[in-house]
Amino acid sequence: MGSEEPNDRFGGGHRRLRMKLSDFFVPALALCFATGCATPLSIPRDGERLAKVADVPMADLQFISHCGFAEGPARWKSLDFRDGVIVVSPESIQLLQGSRPTFSGGRHIVIPFSSMNRVAFRHWGRVRQVQVYVGDRVVAIEVRKKEGTEYVFQTIKDHAIPVWEGERFYGMTIGIWGVPVSLP
């Protein structure tokens, strides 16, 4: 027993475990890229399908992207975010919950520019958030790319919507062992 190498005593298990993990994660990552979950949306490739779901003429699509969004009373401190897609047209911003290829089966929020009371741009760490206020409700939008969030904010401002500081960054609510916990 004293002549065994340390790795032999345990059968080199740590090496086998590392190999097993890489055998799992590499194909999983390849599958993710192959199915398009990491692929950004583009108007030439995805526009026709999104225009149909959003009921917007293809020629009116100005911007599409993956995003997270939430909606609720402005007095709430945190909101229930959903993954989806943002569609910007000359008349409105639309938020579609769902996944590829249909972007359907979930919440569909249409916010005409004419109904917006004010807009805020907030950030916390690396997360940037556009907050659109309609009456006493707020819609928080986090576009997956920083430039996209800034584009959406600028587009809303270009429609003469008043800019407001915003009272807070709307964090998301997650459940830990069944108990809702607010993140910041």
N, C-alpha and C. Protein backbone atom coordinates (compact mmCIF):
# COMPACT_ATOMS: atom_id res chain seq x y z
N MET A 1 0.82 -1.19 0.00
CA MET A 1 0.00 0.00 0.00
C MET A 1 0.86 1.24 0.00
N GLY A 2 2.03 1.22 0.68
CA GLY A 2 2.90 2.38 0.73
C GLY A 2 3.55 2.69 -0.60
N SER A 3 3.62 1.72 -1.52
CA SER A 3 4.29 1.96 -2.80
C SER A 3 3.36 2.55 -3.86
N GLU A 4 2.07 2.67 -3.56
CA GLU A 4 1.12 3.19 -4.56
C GLU A 4 1.28 4.70 -4.71
N GLU A 5 1.12 5.15 -5.90
CA GLU A 5 1.09 6.58 -6.17
C GLU A 5 -0.23 7.15 -5.65
N PRO A 6 -0.27 8.42 -5.23
CA PRO A 6 -1.51 8.99 -4.71
C PRO A 6 -2.68 8.88 -5.69
N ASN A 7 -2.43 9.09 -6.97
CA ASN A 7 -3.53 9.00 -7.95
C ASN A 7 -4.00 7.56 -8.13
N ASP A 8 -3.07 6.60 -7.97
CA ASP A 8 -3.46 5.19 -8.11
C ASP A 8 -4.34 4.76 -6.96
N ARG A 9 -4.07 5.27 -5.76
CA ARG A 9 -4.84 4.88 -4.58
C ARG A 9 -6.32 5.22 -4.77
N PHE A 10 -6.59 6.34 -5.42
CA PHE A 10 -7.97 6.75 -5.65
C PHE A 10 -8.44 6.43 -7.07
N GLY A 11 -7.63 5.69 -7.77
CA GLY A 11 -8.02 5.26 -9.11
C GLY A 11 -8.02 6.39 -10.14
N GLY A 12 -7.36 7.51 -9.86
CA GLY A 12 -7.34 8.63 -10.80
C GLY A 12 -8.73 9.20 -11.03
N GLY A 13 -9.59 9.06 -10.03
CA GLY A 13 -10.99 9.47 -10.16
C GLY A 13 -11.17 10.92 -10.54
N HIS A 14 -10.31 11.80 -10.02
CA HIS A 14 -10.49 13.20 -10.35
C HIS A 14 -10.27 13.46 -11.83
N ARG A 15 -9.40 12.72 -12.46
CA ARG A 15 -9.20 12.89 -13.90
C ARG A 15 -10.41 12.37 -14.67
N ARG A 16 -10.94 11.26 -14.23
CA ARG A 16 -12.12 10.72 -14.90
C ARG A 16 -13.32 11.66 -14.75
N LEU A 17 -13.46 12.26 -13.58
CA LEU A 17 -14.56 13.20 -13.37
C LEU A 17 -14.42 14.41 -14.28
N ARG A 18 -13.21 14.93 -14.40
CA ARG A 18 -12.99 16.08 -15.27
C ARG A 18 -13.33 15.72 -16.71
N MET A 19 -12.95 14.53 -17.11
CA MET A 19 -13.24 14.09 -18.46
C MET A 19 -14.74 13.95 -18.66
N LYS A 20 -15.44 13.43 -17.68
CA LYS A 20 -16.89 13.27 -17.78
C LYS A 20 -17.58 14.63 -17.89
N LEU A 21 -17.16 15.61 -17.11
CA LEU A 21 -17.76 16.93 -17.18
C LEU A 21 -17.53 17.56 -18.55
N SER A 22 -16.31 17.45 -19.07
CA SER A 22 -16.05 18.03 -20.39
C SER A 22 -16.81 17.27 -21.48
N ASP A 23 -16.96 15.95 -21.28
CA ASP A 23 -17.73 15.18 -22.25
C ASP A 23 -19.19 15.65 -22.29
N PHE A 24 -19.69 16.18 -21.19
CA PHE A 24 -21.06 16.67 -21.14
C PHE A 24 -21.17 18.11 -21.64
N PHE A 25 -20.31 19.01 -21.13
CA PHE A 25 -20.47 20.44 -21.42
C PHE A 25 -20.11 20.83 -22.85
N VAL A 26 -19.12 20.22 -23.44
CA VAL A 26 -18.74 20.57 -24.81
C VAL A 26 -19.88 20.26 -25.79
N PRO A 27 -20.47 19.06 -25.76
CA PRO A 27 -21.61 18.83 -26.67
C PRO A 27 -22.81 19.72 -26.34
N ALA A 28 -23.04 19.99 -25.04
CA ALA A 28 -24.17 20.86 -24.67
C ALA A 28 -23.96 22.26 -25.23
N LEU A 29 -22.76 22.78 -25.14
CA LEU A 29 -22.47 24.10 -25.68
C LEU A 29 -22.61 24.11 -27.20
N ALA A 30 -22.13 23.06 -27.84
CA ALA A 30 -22.27 22.97 -29.30
C ALA A 30 -23.74 22.91 -29.71
N LEU A 31 -24.55 22.17 -28.94
CA LEU A 31 -25.97 22.10 -29.23
C LEU A 31 -26.64 23.46 -29.07
N CYS A 32 -26.23 24.19 -28.05
CA CYS A 32 -26.78 25.52 -27.81
C CYS A 32 -26.51 26.44 -29.01
N PHE A 33 -25.27 26.43 -29.49
CA PHE A 33 -24.95 27.28 -30.64
C PHE A 33 -25.66 26.80 -31.90
N ALA A 34 -25.77 25.50 -32.07
CA ALA A 34 -26.39 24.96 -33.28
C ALA A 34 -27.89 25.27 -33.33
N THR A 35 -28.54 25.32 -32.18
CA THR A 35 -29.98 25.57 -32.18
C THR A 35 -30.31 27.05 -32.19
N GLY A 36 -29.31 27.91 -32.07
CA GLY A 36 -29.55 29.33 -32.21
C GLY A 36 -29.80 30.08 -30.93
N CYS A 37 -29.63 29.45 -29.76
CA CYS A 37 -29.93 30.17 -28.53
C CYS A 37 -28.93 31.28 -28.28
N ALA A 38 -27.75 31.22 -28.89
CA ALA A 38 -26.77 32.27 -28.70
C ALA A 38 -26.69 33.19 -29.93
N THR A 39 -27.56 32.98 -30.89
CA THR A 39 -27.53 33.74 -32.12
C THR A 39 -28.35 35.02 -31.99
N PRO A 40 -27.73 36.17 -32.25
CA PRO A 40 -28.51 37.41 -32.20
C PRO A 40 -29.55 37.44 -33.32
N LEU A 41 -30.61 38.17 -33.07
CA LEU A 41 -31.64 38.33 -34.09
C LEU A 41 -31.21 39.37 -35.11
N SER A 42 -31.69 39.22 -36.32
CA SER A 42 -31.43 40.24 -37.34
C SER A 42 -32.69 40.40 -38.18
N ILE A 43 -32.91 41.61 -38.64
CA ILE A 43 -34.11 41.89 -39.44
C ILE A 43 -34.10 41.08 -40.74
N PRO A 44 -32.96 41.00 -41.47
CA PRO A 44 -33.01 40.21 -42.71
C PRO A 44 -33.37 38.73 -42.48
N ARG A 45 -32.86 38.13 -41.40
CA ARG A 45 -33.09 36.71 -41.17
C ARG A 45 -34.38 36.44 -40.41
N ASP A 46 -34.69 37.22 -39.36
CA ASP A 46 -35.81 36.93 -38.47
C ASP A 46 -36.97 37.91 -38.60
N GLY A 47 -36.79 38.97 -39.39
CA GLY A 47 -37.78 40.04 -39.46
C GLY A 47 -39.14 39.61 -39.97
N GLU A 48 -39.18 38.80 -41.00
CA GLU A 48 -40.47 38.41 -41.57
C GLU A 48 -41.32 37.67 -40.54
N ARG A 49 -40.71 36.75 -39.83
CA ARG A 49 -41.42 35.97 -38.82
C ARG A 49 -41.89 36.87 -37.67
N LEU A 50 -41.02 37.76 -37.19
CA LEU A 50 -41.39 38.66 -36.09
C LEU A 50 -42.42 39.69 -36.52
N ALA A 51 -42.31 40.18 -37.75
CA ALA A 51 -43.29 41.14 -38.25
C ALA A 51 -44.69 40.51 -38.27
N LYS A 52 -44.75 39.25 -38.64
CA LYS A 52 -46.03 38.55 -38.68
C LYS A 52 -46.61 38.39 -37.26
N VAL A 53 -45.78 37.97 -36.31
CA VAL A 53 -46.25 37.78 -34.93
C VAL A 53 -46.65 39.11 -34.31
N ALA A 54 -45.87 40.17 -34.58
CA ALA A 54 -46.15 41.49 -34.00
C ALA A 54 -47.19 42.27 -34.79
N ASP A 55 -47.63 41.74 -35.93
CA ASP A 55 -48.61 42.40 -36.79
C ASP A 55 -48.12 43.79 -37.22
N VAL A 56 -46.88 43.82 -37.69
CA VAL A 56 -46.23 45.04 -38.16
C VAL A 56 -45.72 44.76 -39.57
N PRO A 57 -45.89 45.68 -40.52
CA PRO A 57 -45.32 45.45 -41.85
C PRO A 57 -43.79 45.30 -41.76
N MET A 58 -43.27 44.38 -42.52
CA MET A 58 -41.83 44.11 -42.52
C MET A 58 -41.03 45.39 -42.74
N ALA A 59 -41.49 46.27 -43.60
CA ALA A 59 -40.77 47.52 -43.90
C ALA A 59 -40.72 48.46 -42.70
N ASP A 60 -41.61 48.27 -41.71
CA ASP A 60 -41.64 49.15 -40.54
C ASP A 60 -40.75 48.68 -39.39
N LEU A 61 -40.15 47.52 -39.51
CA LEU A 61 -39.28 47.04 -38.43
C LEU A 61 -38.03 47.93 -38.37
N GLN A 62 -37.77 48.51 -37.20
CA GLN A 62 -36.59 49.34 -37.01
C GLN A 62 -35.52 48.64 -36.19
N PHE A 63 -35.94 47.77 -35.28
CA PHE A 63 -34.99 47.12 -34.38
C PHE A 63 -35.66 45.88 -33.78
N ILE A 64 -34.90 44.78 -33.70
CA ILE A 64 -35.34 43.58 -33.00
C ILE A 64 -34.16 43.02 -32.22
N SER A 65 -34.44 42.47 -31.06
CA SER A 65 -33.37 41.88 -30.25
C SER A 65 -33.97 41.03 -29.15
N HIS A 66 -33.17 40.12 -28.62
CA HIS A 66 -33.56 39.40 -27.42
C HIS A 66 -33.53 40.38 -26.27
N CYS A 67 -34.42 40.18 -25.30
CA CYS A 67 -34.47 41.08 -24.15
C CYS A 67 -35.09 40.36 -22.96
N GLY A 68 -35.00 41.02 -21.83
CA GLY A 68 -35.76 40.64 -20.66
C GLY A 68 -36.71 41.80 -20.39
N PHE A 69 -37.93 41.51 -19.96
CA PHE A 69 -38.86 42.60 -19.69
C PHE A 69 -39.79 42.22 -18.56
N ALA A 70 -40.29 43.25 -17.90
CA ALA A 70 -41.24 43.06 -16.80
C ALA A 70 -42.18 44.24 -16.78
N GLU A 71 -43.36 44.03 -16.20
CA GLU A 71 -44.37 45.08 -16.18
C GLU A 71 -45.13 44.98 -14.87
N GLY A 72 -45.44 46.14 -14.28
CA GLY A 72 -46.21 46.16 -13.04
C GLY A 72 -46.40 47.57 -12.55
N PRO A 73 -47.04 47.73 -11.39
CA PRO A 73 -47.22 49.07 -10.82
C PRO A 73 -45.86 49.72 -10.53
N ALA A 74 -45.74 51.00 -10.82
CA ALA A 74 -44.47 51.71 -10.63
C ALA A 74 -44.03 51.73 -9.18
N ARG A 75 -44.94 51.55 -8.24
CA ARG A 75 -44.57 51.60 -6.82
C ARG A 75 -43.87 50.32 -6.35
N TRP A 76 -43.95 49.24 -7.13
CA TRP A 76 -43.28 47.99 -6.73
C TRP A 76 -41.78 48.15 -6.80
N LYS A 77 -41.07 47.42 -5.95
CA LYS A 77 -39.61 47.49 -5.93
C LYS A 77 -38.97 46.47 -6.87
N SER A 78 -39.63 45.38 -7.11
CA SER A 78 -39.11 44.38 -8.03
C SER A 78 -40.24 43.85 -8.89
N LEU A 79 -39.86 43.35 -10.04
CA LEU A 79 -40.83 42.88 -11.02
C LEU A 79 -40.44 41.49 -11.49
N ASP A 80 -41.38 40.77 -12.03
CA ASP A 80 -41.17 39.42 -12.52
C ASP A 80 -40.73 39.49 -13.99
N PHE A 81 -39.43 39.36 -14.23
CA PHE A 81 -38.90 39.47 -15.59
C PHE A 81 -39.14 38.20 -16.39
N ARG A 82 -39.34 38.40 -17.69
CA ARG A 82 -39.52 37.31 -18.64
C ARG A 82 -38.51 37.47 -19.77
N ASP A 83 -38.10 36.37 -20.35
CA ASP A 83 -37.25 36.43 -21.54
C ASP A 83 -38.13 36.54 -22.76
N GLY A 84 -37.66 37.30 -23.72
CA GLY A 84 -38.44 37.46 -24.94
C GLY A 84 -37.70 38.25 -25.98
N VAL A 85 -38.48 38.96 -26.77
CA VAL A 85 -37.96 39.72 -27.90
C VAL A 85 -38.59 41.10 -27.89
N ILE A 86 -37.81 42.11 -28.24
CA ILE A 86 -38.33 43.46 -28.41
C ILE A 86 -38.40 43.76 -29.91
N VAL A 87 -39.50 44.38 -30.32
CA VAL A 87 -39.70 44.79 -31.71
C VAL A 87 -40.02 46.28 -31.68
N VAL A 88 -39.21 47.09 -32.35
CA VAL A 88 -39.43 48.54 -32.41
C VAL A 88 -39.88 48.88 -33.82
N SER A 89 -41.01 49.60 -33.89
CA SER A 89 -41.54 50.08 -35.17
C SER A 89 -41.79 51.58 -35.03
N PRO A 90 -42.17 52.28 -36.08
CA PRO A 90 -42.39 53.73 -35.97
C PRO A 90 -43.51 54.10 -35.01
N GLU A 91 -44.45 53.19 -34.75
CA GLU A 91 -45.61 53.50 -33.91
C GLU A 91 -45.52 53.00 -32.48
N SER A 92 -44.71 51.94 -32.25
CA SER A 92 -44.76 51.31 -30.94
C SER A 92 -43.51 50.49 -30.63
N ILE A 93 -43.46 50.06 -29.38
CA ILE A 93 -42.51 49.05 -28.93
C ILE A 93 -43.36 47.85 -28.53
N GLN A 94 -42.96 46.68 -29.01
CA GLN A 94 -43.67 45.46 -28.64
C GLN A 94 -42.70 44.51 -27.97
N LEU A 95 -43.19 43.86 -26.93
CA LEU A 95 -42.41 42.88 -26.18
C LEU A 95 -43.14 41.55 -26.28
N LEU A 96 -42.45 40.56 -26.81
CA LEU A 96 -43.04 39.25 -27.04
C LEU A 96 -42.33 38.23 -26.16
N GLN A 97 -43.08 37.58 -25.29
CA GLN A 97 -42.50 36.52 -24.49
C GLN A 97 -42.52 35.25 -25.30
N GLY A 98 -41.50 34.45 -25.16
CA GLY A 98 -41.49 33.18 -25.87
C GLY A 98 -40.10 32.88 -26.39
N SER A 99 -40.05 31.83 -27.18
CA SER A 99 -38.76 31.41 -27.70
C SER A 99 -38.88 31.13 -29.18
N ARG A 100 -37.73 30.94 -29.78
CA ARG A 100 -37.71 30.64 -31.19
C ARG A 100 -38.36 29.30 -31.44
N PRO A 101 -38.89 29.04 -32.59
CA PRO A 101 -38.97 29.91 -33.74
C PRO A 101 -40.24 30.75 -33.81
N THR A 102 -41.19 30.57 -32.90
CA THR A 102 -42.47 31.25 -33.06
C THR A 102 -42.60 32.53 -32.24
N PHE A 103 -41.85 32.68 -31.15
CA PHE A 103 -41.97 33.83 -30.26
C PHE A 103 -43.41 34.02 -29.83
N SER A 104 -44.09 32.92 -29.62
CA SER A 104 -45.48 33.01 -29.20
C SER A 104 -45.69 32.12 -27.98
N GLY A 105 -46.88 32.19 -27.46
CA GLY A 105 -47.20 31.34 -26.33
C GLY A 105 -47.03 32.04 -25.00
N GLY A 106 -46.73 33.31 -25.03
CA GLY A 106 -46.54 34.04 -23.78
C GLY A 106 -47.12 35.43 -23.87
N ARG A 107 -46.68 36.26 -22.99
CA ARG A 107 -47.16 37.63 -22.89
C ARG A 107 -46.76 38.43 -24.12
N HIS A 108 -47.64 39.31 -24.57
CA HIS A 108 -47.37 40.19 -25.70
C HIS A 108 -47.82 41.59 -25.28
N ILE A 109 -46.85 42.47 -25.06
CA ILE A 109 -47.14 43.83 -24.62
C ILE A 109 -46.89 44.78 -25.78
N VAL A 110 -47.88 45.60 -26.10
CA VAL A 110 -47.75 46.63 -27.13
C VAL A 110 -47.81 47.98 -26.43
N ILE A 111 -46.77 48.79 -26.61
CA ILE A 111 -46.72 50.12 -25.99
C ILE A 111 -46.60 51.16 -27.10
N PRO A 112 -47.72 51.77 -27.51
CA PRO A 112 -47.63 52.84 -28.51
C PRO A 112 -46.86 54.03 -27.93
N PHE A 113 -46.06 54.68 -28.75
CA PHE A 113 -45.31 55.84 -28.28
C PHE A 113 -46.26 56.91 -27.75
N SER A 114 -47.45 57.01 -28.34
CA SER A 114 -48.41 58.03 -27.93
C SER A 114 -48.95 57.81 -26.52
N SER A 115 -48.82 56.60 -25.98
CA SER A 115 -49.34 56.33 -24.64
C SER A 115 -48.27 56.46 -23.55
N MET A 116 -47.03 56.68 -23.93
CA MET A 116 -45.94 56.77 -22.95
C MET A 116 -45.95 58.12 -22.25
N ASN A 117 -45.89 58.11 -20.91
CA ASN A 117 -45.86 59.35 -20.13
C ASN A 117 -44.44 59.88 -19.96
N ARG A 118 -43.51 58.95 -19.71
CA ARG A 118 -42.11 59.34 -19.47
C ARG A 118 -41.23 58.10 -19.61
N VAL A 119 -39.93 58.34 -19.68
CA VAL A 119 -38.97 57.25 -19.83
C VAL A 119 -37.76 57.53 -18.96
N ALA A 120 -37.17 56.48 -18.43
CA ALA A 120 -35.95 56.60 -17.63
C ALA A 120 -34.93 55.59 -18.13
N PHE A 121 -33.67 55.93 -17.96
CA PHE A 121 -32.57 55.01 -18.28
C PHE A 121 -31.78 54.81 -17.00
N ARG A 122 -31.76 53.59 -16.51
CA ARG A 122 -31.06 53.29 -15.26
C ARG A 122 -30.05 52.18 -15.52
N HIS A 123 -29.01 52.17 -14.73
CA HIS A 123 -28.10 51.03 -14.81
C HIS A 123 -27.59 50.69 -13.42
N TRP A 124 -27.31 49.41 -13.25
CA TRP A 124 -26.78 48.89 -12.01
C TRP A 124 -25.72 47.87 -12.41
N GLY A 125 -24.46 48.18 -12.14
CA GLY A 125 -23.39 47.31 -12.60
C GLY A 125 -23.35 47.30 -14.12
N ARG A 126 -23.39 46.13 -14.68
CA ARG A 126 -23.35 46.01 -16.14
C ARG A 126 -24.74 45.98 -16.78
N VAL A 127 -25.77 45.97 -15.97
CA VAL A 127 -27.14 45.88 -16.50
C VAL A 127 -27.68 47.27 -16.75
N ARG A 128 -28.22 47.48 -17.94
CA ARG A 128 -28.85 48.74 -18.31
C ARG A 128 -30.33 48.48 -18.54
N GLN A 129 -31.13 49.42 -18.07
CA GLN A 129 -32.57 49.21 -18.09
C GLN A 129 -33.28 50.46 -18.58
N VAL A 130 -34.18 50.29 -19.53
CA VAL A 130 -35.08 51.36 -19.96
C VAL A 130 -36.39 51.14 -19.22
N GLN A 131 -36.88 52.21 -18.60
CA GLN A 131 -38.14 52.14 -17.87
C GLN A 131 -39.15 53.04 -18.57
N VAL A 132 -40.20 52.43 -19.07
CA VAL A 132 -41.25 53.17 -19.78
C VAL A 132 -42.45 53.26 -18.85
N TYR A 133 -42.91 54.48 -18.60
CA TYR A 133 -44.04 54.71 -17.71
C TYR A 133 -45.29 55.00 -18.54
N VAL A 134 -46.34 54.23 -18.26
CA VAL A 134 -47.64 54.40 -18.91
C VAL A 134 -48.66 54.45 -17.78
N GLY A 135 -49.18 55.65 -17.51
CA GLY A 135 -50.08 55.81 -16.37
C GLY A 135 -49.33 55.53 -15.08
N ASP A 136 -49.90 54.68 -14.22
CA ASP A 136 -49.25 54.34 -12.96
C ASP A 136 -48.47 53.03 -13.05
N ARG A 137 -48.22 52.57 -14.28
CA ARG A 137 -47.50 51.31 -14.49
C ARG A 137 -46.15 51.59 -15.13
N VAL A 138 -45.24 50.64 -14.95
CA VAL A 138 -43.92 50.75 -15.54
C VAL A 138 -43.62 49.45 -16.28
N VAL A 139 -42.92 49.58 -17.40
CA VAL A 139 -42.40 48.43 -18.13
C VAL A 139 -40.89 48.60 -18.15
N ALA A 140 -40.18 47.65 -17.54
CA ALA A 140 -38.73 47.67 -17.51
C ALA A 140 -38.22 46.75 -18.61
N ILE A 141 -37.27 47.25 -19.41
CA ILE A 141 -36.75 46.51 -20.55
C ILE A 141 -35.23 46.46 -20.45
N GLU A 142 -34.68 45.27 -20.57
CA GLU A 142 -33.23 45.08 -20.58
C GLU A 142 -32.87 44.34 -21.86
N VAL A 143 -32.38 45.10 -22.84
CA VAL A 143 -31.97 44.52 -24.12
C VAL A 143 -30.65 43.80 -23.88
N ARG A 144 -30.45 42.68 -24.52
CA ARG A 144 -29.27 41.84 -24.26
C ARG A 144 -27.94 42.53 -24.54
N LYS A 145 -27.93 43.48 -25.41
CA LYS A 145 -26.68 44.20 -25.70
C LYS A 145 -26.82 45.64 -25.23
N LYS A 146 -25.75 46.17 -24.65
CA LYS A 146 -25.75 47.54 -24.13
C LYS A 146 -26.19 48.53 -25.19
N GLU A 147 -25.67 48.38 -26.40
CA GLU A 147 -26.01 49.31 -27.49
C GLU A 147 -27.49 49.25 -27.82
N GLY A 148 -28.09 48.07 -27.67
CA GLY A 148 -29.51 47.92 -27.95
C GLY A 148 -30.37 48.68 -26.95
N THR A 149 -30.01 48.60 -25.67
CA THR A 149 -30.75 49.33 -24.65
C THR A 149 -30.64 50.83 -24.89
N GLU A 150 -29.45 51.29 -25.23
CA GLU A 150 -29.25 52.71 -25.51
C GLU A 150 -30.04 53.13 -26.76
N TYR A 151 -30.11 52.26 -27.77
CA TYR A 151 -30.88 52.57 -28.98
C TYR A 151 -32.37 52.71 -28.65
N VAL A 152 -32.89 51.79 -27.85
CA VAL A 152 -34.32 51.84 -27.49
C VAL A 152 -34.60 53.12 -26.71
N PHE A 153 -33.74 53.48 -25.78
CA PHE A 153 -33.92 54.71 -25.00
C PHE A 153 -33.91 55.94 -25.91
N GLN A 154 -32.96 55.99 -26.83
CA GLN A 154 -32.86 57.13 -27.75
C GLN A 154 -34.08 57.20 -28.67
N THR A 155 -34.55 56.06 -29.13
CA THR A 155 -35.74 56.03 -29.99
C THR A 155 -36.95 56.60 -29.26
N ILE A 156 -37.12 56.23 -28.01
CA ILE A 156 -38.24 56.75 -27.22
C ILE A 156 -38.09 58.26 -27.03
N LYS A 157 -36.88 58.71 -26.72
CA LYS A 157 -36.64 60.15 -26.58
C LYS A 157 -36.93 60.90 -27.88
N ASP A 158 -36.60 60.30 -29.01
CA ASP A 158 -36.84 60.92 -30.31
C ASP A 158 -38.33 61.12 -30.59
N HIS A 159 -39.19 60.41 -29.88
CA HIS A 159 -40.64 60.58 -30.00
C HIS A 159 -41.16 61.61 -29.01
N ALA A 160 -40.28 62.44 -28.48
CA ALA A 160 -40.61 63.55 -27.57
C ALA A 160 -41.25 63.07 -26.27
N ILE A 161 -40.83 61.91 -25.81
CA ILE A 161 -41.29 61.41 -24.50
C ILE A 161 -40.37 62.02 -23.44
N PRO A 162 -40.95 62.65 -22.40
CA PRO A 162 -40.12 63.28 -21.37
C PRO A 162 -39.21 62.27 -20.66
N VAL A 163 -37.97 62.69 -20.44
CA VAL A 163 -37.00 61.85 -19.73
C VAL A 163 -37.13 62.14 -18.24
N TRP A 164 -37.08 61.10 -17.47
CA TRP A 164 -37.22 61.19 -16.02
C TRP A 164 -36.09 60.40 -15.38
N GLU A 165 -35.65 60.79 -14.22
CA GLU A 165 -34.56 60.10 -13.53
C GLU A 165 -34.91 58.67 -13.15
N GLY A 166 -36.13 58.45 -12.78
CA GLY A 166 -36.51 57.13 -12.29
C GLY A 166 -36.16 57.02 -10.81
N GLU A 167 -37.00 56.36 -10.06
CA GLU A 167 -36.79 56.25 -8.62
C GLU A 167 -35.89 55.10 -8.25
N ARG A 168 -35.84 54.07 -9.07
CA ARG A 168 -35.11 52.87 -8.69
C ARG A 168 -34.74 52.07 -9.93
N PHE A 169 -33.84 51.15 -9.71
CA PHE A 169 -33.55 50.11 -10.68
C PHE A 169 -34.46 48.95 -10.30
N TYR A 170 -35.26 48.47 -11.23
CA TYR A 170 -36.16 47.37 -10.93
C TYR A 170 -35.41 46.06 -11.02
N GLY A 171 -35.15 45.48 -9.88
CA GLY A 171 -34.51 44.17 -9.85
C GLY A 171 -35.54 43.10 -10.10
N MET A 172 -35.06 41.90 -10.30
CA MET A 172 -36.00 40.82 -10.53
C MET A 172 -36.26 40.08 -9.23
N THR A 173 -37.36 39.40 -9.19
CA THR A 173 -37.71 38.57 -8.05
C THR A 173 -37.45 37.12 -8.44
N ILE A 174 -36.69 36.43 -7.60
CA ILE A 174 -36.45 35.01 -7.84
C ILE A 174 -36.97 34.24 -6.64
N GLY A 175 -37.23 32.98 -6.84
CA GLY A 175 -37.69 32.15 -5.73
C GLY A 175 -36.56 31.27 -5.22
N ILE A 176 -36.32 31.30 -3.93
CA ILE A 176 -35.34 30.44 -3.31
C ILE A 176 -36.10 29.57 -2.31
N TRP A 177 -36.15 28.28 -2.55
CA TRP A 177 -36.90 27.34 -1.72
C TRP A 177 -38.34 27.81 -1.54
N GLY A 178 -38.93 28.34 -2.62
CA GLY A 178 -40.32 28.74 -2.59
C GLY A 178 -40.59 30.12 -2.00
N VAL A 179 -39.54 30.81 -1.56
CA VAL A 179 -39.71 32.13 -0.96
C VAL A 179 -39.23 33.18 -1.95
N PRO A 180 -40.07 34.17 -2.33
CA PRO A 180 -39.61 35.20 -3.27
C PRO A 180 -38.55 36.10 -2.63
N VAL A 181 -37.47 36.34 -3.37
CA VAL A 181 -36.38 37.18 -2.90
C VAL A 181 -36.13 38.23 -3.97
N SER A 182 -36.06 39.51 -3.59
CA SER A 182 -35.81 40.59 -4.54
C SER A 182 -34.32 40.80 -4.73
N LEU A 183 -33.90 40.93 -5.97
CA LEU A 183 -32.52 41.27 -6.30
C LEU A 183 -32.53 42.70 -6.78
N PRO A 184 -31.49 43.41 -6.52
CA PRO A 184 -31.48 44.70 -5.83
C PRO A 184 -32.71 45.51 -6.05
